[in-house]
Amino acid sequence: MRRFIPVAVAIVSVMAFFAACTFFQDKPIEPITDFSAAAKVTENDNVFSCEVSNTRAGVASVMLTAPDTLQGLCFKWLGGDAYSIEYNDLFCQSNTEYLPATSFASALVHVLSACSLPEQLTVKQREKAVTRFSGTCESGNFIITCDNKTRFIQKVEIEELSLIVEFQNQKVFA
């Protein structure tokens, strides 16, 4: 019996070690990039609210919902080289991207485009509930935080632009 207890403790310890390590041996999650969501955008001292939709095919829109003075302003990436901007009854379509890469709307869409290619992402930090990825896009270096269970992107950060985007109420496009 005395020999059995140390052997049992050793076996249980080895099993616990391998069980704890299996979470980190799994392949990292792949963030969902076909979604719509509400977003809170903080850029320097400015705070905006908007509705965001994005597809892997490069079709995206960012429609401002706050502040009131910008409510309804909508930027759209229509796939390929087609872009539009809409506000109230005004509509303009172009084959040239009109927003600079440093604007929050362009930066967000550039990050989501990069995230649709998993090989563009590097795992920065992996925890039980979330995984943080880093990557680079046309707007700069970014970090995204993804929920491990839902695979939804919770937060986008681009330090060089002082930009933080926090998503809520995400819905997957079927």
C-alpha atoms as a PDB file:
ATOM      1  CA  MET A   1       0.000   0.000   0.000  1.00  0.00           C
ATOM      2  CA  ARG A   2       2.863   2.400   0.799  1.00  0.00           C
ATOM      3  CA  ARG A   3       4.289   1.908  -2.700  1.00  0.00           C
ATOM      4  CA  PHE A   4       0.906   2.457  -4.314  1.00  0.00           C
ATOM      5  CA  ILE A   5       0.335   5.962  -2.883  1.00  0.00           C
ATOM      6  CA  PRO A   6       3.494   7.594  -4.375  1.00  0.00           C
ATOM      7  CA  VAL A   7       2.836   5.883  -7.734  1.00  0.00           C
ATOM      8  CA  ALA A   8      -0.787   7.075  -7.724  1.00  0.00           C
ATOM      9  CA  VAL A   9       0.282  10.630  -6.812  1.00  0.00           C
ATOM     10  CA  ALA A  10       2.868  10.606  -9.621  1.00  0.00           C
ATOM     11  CA  ILE A  11       0.306   9.363 -12.160  1.00  0.00           C
ATOM     12  CA  VAL A  12      -2.272  11.955 -11.098  1.00  0.00           C
ATOM     13  CA  SER A  13       0.379  14.720 -11.239  1.00  0.00           C
ATOM     14  CA  VAL A  14       1.445  13.743 -14.763  1.00  0.00           C
ATOM     15  CA  MET A  15      -2.196  13.578 -15.904  1.00  0.00           C
ATOM     16  CA  ALA A  16      -2.923  17.012 -14.398  1.00  0.00           C
ATOM     17  CA  PHE A  17       0.154  18.476 -16.105  1.00  0.00           C
ATOM     18  CA  PHE A  18      -0.872  17.181 -19.536  1.00  0.00           C
ATOM     19  CA  ALA A  19      -4.512  18.178 -19.026  1.00  0.00           C
ATOM     20  CA  ALA A  20      -3.436  21.740 -18.185  1.00  0.00           C
ATOM     21  CA  CYS A  21      -1.211  21.910 -21.261  1.00  0.00           C
ATOM     22  CA  THR A  22      -3.744  20.603 -23.784  1.00  0.00           C
ATOM     23  CA  PHE A  23      -5.613  23.932 -23.902  1.00  0.00           C
ATOM     24  CA  PHE A  24      -2.498  25.628 -25.236  1.00  0.00           C
ATOM     25  CA  GLN A  25      -1.598  22.820 -27.633  1.00  0.00           C
ATOM     26  CA  ASP A  26      -4.824  23.230 -29.590  1.00  0.00           C
ATOM     27  CA  LYS A  27      -4.771  25.231 -32.788  1.00  0.00           C
ATOM     28  CA  PRO A  28      -5.585  28.907 -32.091  1.00  0.00           C
ATOM     29  CA  ILE A  29      -9.142  30.008 -32.797  1.00  0.00           C
ATOM     30  CA  GLU A  30      -9.933  31.630 -36.117  1.00  0.00           C
ATOM     31  CA  PRO A  31     -11.742  34.955 -35.586  1.00  0.00           C
ATOM     32  CA  ILE A  32     -15.159  35.371 -37.200  1.00  0.00           C
ATOM     33  CA  THR A  33     -14.968  38.193 -39.753  1.00  0.00           C
ATOM     34  CA  ASP A  34     -18.407  37.790 -41.394  1.00  0.00           C
ATOM     35  CA  PHE A  35     -20.499  39.709 -38.858  1.00  0.00           C
ATOM     36  CA  SER A  36     -22.451  42.799 -37.937  1.00  0.00           C
ATOM     37  CA  ALA A  37     -22.156  44.566 -34.595  1.00  0.00           C
ATOM     38  CA  ALA A  38     -22.538  47.767 -32.654  1.00  0.00           C
ATOM     39  CA  ALA A  39     -19.207  49.413 -31.879  1.00  0.00           C
ATOM     40  CA  LYS A  40     -17.861  52.031 -29.506  1.00  0.00           C
ATOM     41  CA  VAL A  41     -14.922  53.814 -31.122  1.00  0.00           C
ATOM     42  CA  THR A  42     -12.399  55.819 -29.121  1.00  0.00           C
ATOM     43  CA  GLU A  43      -9.885  57.788 -31.191  1.00  0.00           C
ATOM     44  CA  ASN A  44      -7.701  60.151 -29.174  1.00  0.00           C
ATOM     45  CA  ASP A  45     -10.283  62.165 -27.182  1.00  0.00           C
ATOM     46  CA  ASN A  46     -13.158  61.497 -29.599  1.00  0.00           C
ATOM     47  CA  VAL A  47     -15.822  58.875 -28.932  1.00  0.00           C
ATOM     48  CA  PHE A  48     -18.166  57.588 -31.639  1.00  0.00           C
ATOM     49  CA  SER A  49     -20.834  54.909 -31.795  1.00  0.00           C
ATOM     50  CA  CYS A  50     -21.480  53.045 -35.003  1.00  0.00           C
ATOM     51  CA  GLU A  51     -22.919  49.965 -36.644  1.00  0.00           C
ATOM     52  CA  VAL A  52     -20.345  47.828 -38.441  1.00  0.00           C
ATOM     53  CA  SER A  53     -20.847  45.037 -40.948  1.00  0.00           C
ATOM     54  CA  ASN A  54     -18.097  43.093 -42.676  1.00  0.00           C
ATOM     55  CA  THR A  55     -17.656  40.071 -44.940  1.00  0.00           C
ATOM     56  CA  ARG A  56     -14.579  38.091 -45.939  1.00  0.00           C
ATOM     57  CA  ALA A  57     -15.332  39.111 -49.535  1.00  0.00           C
ATOM     58  CA  GLY A  58     -14.336  42.702 -48.731  1.00  0.00           C
ATOM     59  CA  VAL A  59     -17.820  44.189 -48.457  1.00  0.00           C
ATOM     60  CA  ALA A  60     -18.091  46.368 -45.361  1.00  0.00           C
ATOM     61  CA  SER A  61     -19.927  49.351 -43.935  1.00  0.00           C
ATOM     62  CA  VAL A  62     -19.437  51.682 -40.996  1.00  0.00           C
ATOM     63  CA  MET A  63     -22.498  53.797 -40.138  1.00  0.00           C
ATOM     64  CA  LEU A  64     -22.199  56.381 -37.377  1.00  0.00           C
ATOM     65  CA  THR A  65     -24.970  56.409 -34.776  1.00  0.00           C
ATOM     66  CA  ALA A  66     -23.438  58.994 -32.397  1.00  0.00           C
ATOM     67  CA  PRO A  67     -22.714  61.827 -31.924  1.00  0.00           C
ATOM     68  CA  ASP A  68     -25.999  63.225 -33.198  1.00  0.00           C
ATOM     69  CA  THR A  69     -24.259  65.608 -35.606  1.00  0.00           C
ATOM     70  CA  LEU A  70     -22.822  62.631 -37.536  1.00  0.00           C
ATOM     71  CA  GLN A  71     -25.698  60.185 -37.101  1.00  0.00           C
ATOM     72  CA  GLY A  72     -26.459  58.431 -40.383  1.00  0.00           C
ATOM     73  CA  LEU A  73     -23.088  59.094 -42.029  1.00  0.00           C
ATOM     74  CA  CYS A  74     -22.208  55.795 -43.705  1.00  0.00           C
ATOM     75  CA  PHE A  75     -18.991  54.643 -45.347  1.00  0.00           C
ATOM     76  CA  LYS A  76     -19.187  51.546 -47.559  1.00  0.00           C
ATOM     77  CA  TRP A  77     -16.600  49.310 -49.157  1.00  0.00           C
ATOM     78  CA  LEU A  78     -18.476  47.539 -51.938  1.00  0.00           C
ATOM     79  CA  GLY A  79     -15.784  45.024 -52.888  1.00  0.00           C
ATOM     80  CA  GLY A  80     -13.026  45.454 -55.421  1.00  0.00           C
ATOM     81  CA  ASP A  81     -12.459  49.120 -56.193  1.00  0.00           C
ATOM     82  CA  ALA A  82     -15.940  50.418 -55.376  1.00  0.00           C
ATOM     83  CA  TYR A  83     -16.600  52.717 -52.422  1.00  0.00           C
ATOM     84  CA  SER A  84     -19.467  54.927 -51.359  1.00  0.00           C
ATOM     85  CA  ILE A  85     -20.323  57.510 -48.758  1.00  0.00           C
ATOM     86  CA  GLU A  86     -23.912  58.320 -47.768  1.00  0.00           C
ATOM     87  CA  TYR A  87     -25.431  60.970 -45.542  1.00  0.00           C
ATOM     88  CA  ASN A  88     -29.133  61.766 -45.416  1.00  0.00           C
ATOM     89  CA  ASP A  89     -30.137  62.096 -49.089  1.00  0.00           C
ATOM     90  CA  LEU A  90     -26.582  62.553 -50.365  1.00  0.00           C
ATOM     91  CA  PHE A  91     -24.766  59.680 -52.056  1.00  0.00           C
ATOM     92  CA  CYS A  92     -21.339  59.528 -53.680  1.00  0.00           C
ATOM     93  CA  GLN A  93     -19.705  56.476 -55.231  1.00  0.00           C
ATOM     94  CA  SER A  94     -16.085  56.238 -56.318  1.00  0.00           C
ATOM     95  CA  ASN A  95     -13.516  53.751 -57.564  1.00  0.00           C
ATOM     96  CA  THR A  96     -10.907  55.358 -55.288  1.00  0.00           C
ATOM     97  CA  GLU A  97     -10.903  54.970 -51.522  1.00  0.00           C
ATOM     98  CA  TYR A  98     -11.728  58.480 -50.287  1.00  0.00           C
ATOM     99  CA  LEU A  99     -10.809  58.035 -46.628  1.00  0.00           C
ATOM    100  CA  PRO A 100      -7.168  58.050 -45.537  1.00  0.00           C
ATOM    101  CA  ALA A 101      -5.800  54.807 -44.048  1.00  0.00           C
ATOM    102  CA  THR A 102      -5.520  56.620 -40.700  1.00  0.00           C
ATOM    103  CA  SER A 103      -9.261  57.371 -40.421  1.00  0.00           C
ATOM    104  CA  PHE A 104     -10.982  55.131 -37.884  1.00  0.00           C
ATOM    105  CA  ALA A 105     -13.416  53.674 -40.438  1.00  0.00           C
ATOM    106  CA  SER A 106     -10.687  52.752 -42.942  1.00  0.00           C
ATOM    107  CA  ALA A 107      -8.397  51.470 -40.203  1.00  0.00           C
ATOM    108  CA  LEU A 108     -11.148  49.233 -38.834  1.00  0.00           C
ATOM    109  CA  VAL A 109     -11.970  47.781 -42.263  1.00  0.00           C
ATOM    110  CA  HIS A 110      -8.256  47.236 -42.996  1.00  0.00           C
ATOM    111  CA  VAL A 111      -7.881  45.317 -39.716  1.00  0.00           C
ATOM    112  CA  LEU A 112     -10.945  43.168 -40.434  1.00  0.00           C
ATOM    113  CA  SER A 113      -9.627  42.412 -43.937  1.00  0.00           C
ATOM    114  CA  ALA A 114      -6.294  41.310 -42.465  1.00  0.00           C
ATOM    115  CA  CYS A 115      -8.107  39.161 -39.877  1.00  0.00           C
ATOM    116  CA  SER A 116      -9.954  37.287 -42.620  1.00  0.00           C
ATOM    117  CA  LEU A 117      -6.574  35.753 -43.538  1.00  0.00           C
ATOM    118  CA  PRO A 118      -5.527  33.761 -40.432  1.00  0.00           C
ATOM    119  CA  GLU A 119      -1.923  33.536 -41.632  1.00  0.00           C
ATOM    120  CA  GLN A 120      -1.728  37.336 -41.152  1.00  0.00           C
ATOM    121  CA  LEU A 121      -2.307  36.941 -37.391  1.00  0.00           C
ATOM    122  CA  THR A 122       0.186  36.025 -34.676  1.00  0.00           C
ATOM    123  CA  VAL A 123      -0.955  34.825 -31.249  1.00  0.00           C
ATOM    124  CA  LYS A 124       0.224  37.441 -28.749  1.00  0.00           C
ATOM    125  CA  GLN A 125      -1.445  36.140 -25.590  1.00  0.00           C
ATOM    126  CA  ARG A 126      -3.673  33.166 -24.978  1.00  0.00           C
ATOM    127  CA  GLU A 127      -5.885  32.842 -21.925  1.00  0.00           C
ATOM    128  CA  LYS A 128      -8.796  30.595 -21.094  1.00  0.00           C
ATOM    129  CA  ALA A 129     -11.487  33.134 -22.098  1.00  0.00           C
ATOM    130  CA  VAL A 130      -9.760  35.237 -24.785  1.00  0.00           C
ATOM    131  CA  THR A 131      -6.939  35.177 -27.301  1.00  0.00           C
ATOM    132  CA  ARG A 132      -5.064  38.322 -28.301  1.00  0.00           C
ATOM    133  CA  PHE A 133      -3.627  38.411 -31.811  1.00  0.00           C
ATOM    134  CA  SER A 134      -1.261  40.914 -33.370  1.00  0.00           C
ATOM    135  CA  GLY A 135      -0.969  41.765 -37.029  1.00  0.00           C
ATOM    136  CA  THR A 136      -0.172  44.435 -39.568  1.00  0.00           C
ATOM    137  CA  CYS A 137      -2.400  46.120 -42.119  1.00  0.00           C
ATOM    138  CA  GLU A 138      -2.375  49.200 -44.334  1.00  0.00           C
ATOM    139  CA  SER A 139      -3.301  51.339 -41.305  1.00  0.00           C
ATOM    140  CA  GLY A 140      -0.506  50.051 -39.046  1.00  0.00           C
ATOM    141  CA  ASN A 141       0.182  47.400 -36.427  1.00  0.00           C
ATOM    142  CA  PHE A 142      -2.872  46.187 -34.556  1.00  0.00           C
ATOM    143  CA  ILE A 143      -3.986  43.930 -31.718  1.00  0.00           C
ATOM    144  CA  ILE A 144      -7.357  42.187 -31.635  1.00  0.00           C
ATOM    145  CA  THR A 145      -8.949  40.430 -28.679  1.00  0.00           C
ATOM    146  CA  CYS A 146     -11.196  37.451 -29.507  1.00  0.00           C
ATOM    147  CA  ASP A 147     -13.587  35.496 -27.332  1.00  0.00           C
ATOM    148  CA  ASN A 148     -12.394  31.868 -27.395  1.00  0.00           C
ATOM    149  CA  LYS A 149     -15.902  30.474 -27.098  1.00  0.00           C
ATOM    150  CA  THR A 150     -17.767  32.574 -29.690  1.00  0.00           C
ATOM    151  CA  ARG A 151     -14.707  33.474 -31.856  1.00  0.00           C
ATOM    152  CA  PHE A 152     -16.092  37.033 -32.106  1.00  0.00           C
ATOM    153  CA  ILE A 153     -13.648  39.935 -32.127  1.00  0.00           C
ATOM    154  CA  GLN A 154     -14.273  41.914 -28.935  1.00  0.00           C
ATOM    155  CA  LYS A 155     -11.718  44.677 -29.344  1.00  0.00           C
ATOM    156  CA  VAL A 156      -9.436  46.213 -31.986  1.00  0.00           C
ATOM    157  CA  GLU A 157      -6.489  48.400 -30.978  1.00  0.00           C
ATOM    158  CA  ILE A 158      -4.092  50.405 -33.150  1.00  0.00           C
ATOM    159  CA  GLU A 159      -1.687  52.165 -30.823  1.00  0.00           C
ATOM    160  CA  GLU A 160      -0.149  54.445 -33.482  1.00  0.00           C
ATOM    161  CA  LEU A 161      -3.602  55.901 -34.205  1.00  0.00           C
ATOM    162  CA  SER A 162      -4.717  55.962 -30.536  1.00  0.00           C
ATOM    163  CA  LEU A 163      -7.668  53.882 -31.758  1.00  0.00           C
ATOM    164  CA  ILE A 164      -9.745  51.419 -29.730  1.00  0.00           C
ATOM    165  CA  VAL A 165     -12.883  49.780 -31.135  1.00  0.00           C
ATOM    166  CA  GLU A 166     -15.058  47.690 -28.791  1.00  0.00           C
ATOM    167  CA  PHE A 167     -17.743  45.485 -30.347  1.00  0.00           C
ATOM    168  CA  GLN A 168     -21.109  44.525 -28.823  1.00  0.00           C
ATOM    169  CA  ASN A 169     -24.102  42.493 -29.982  1.00  0.00           C
ATOM    170  CA  GLN A 170     -22.244  40.670 -32.744  1.00  0.00           C
ATOM    171  CA  LYS A 171     -24.276  38.620 -35.191  1.00  0.00           C
ATOM    172  CA  VAL A 172     -22.859  36.175 -37.721  1.00  0.00           C
ATOM    173  CA  PHE A 173     -23.813  36.487 -41.379  1.00  0.00           C
ATOM    174  CA  ALA A 174     -25.260  33.153 -42.458  1.00  0.00           C
END
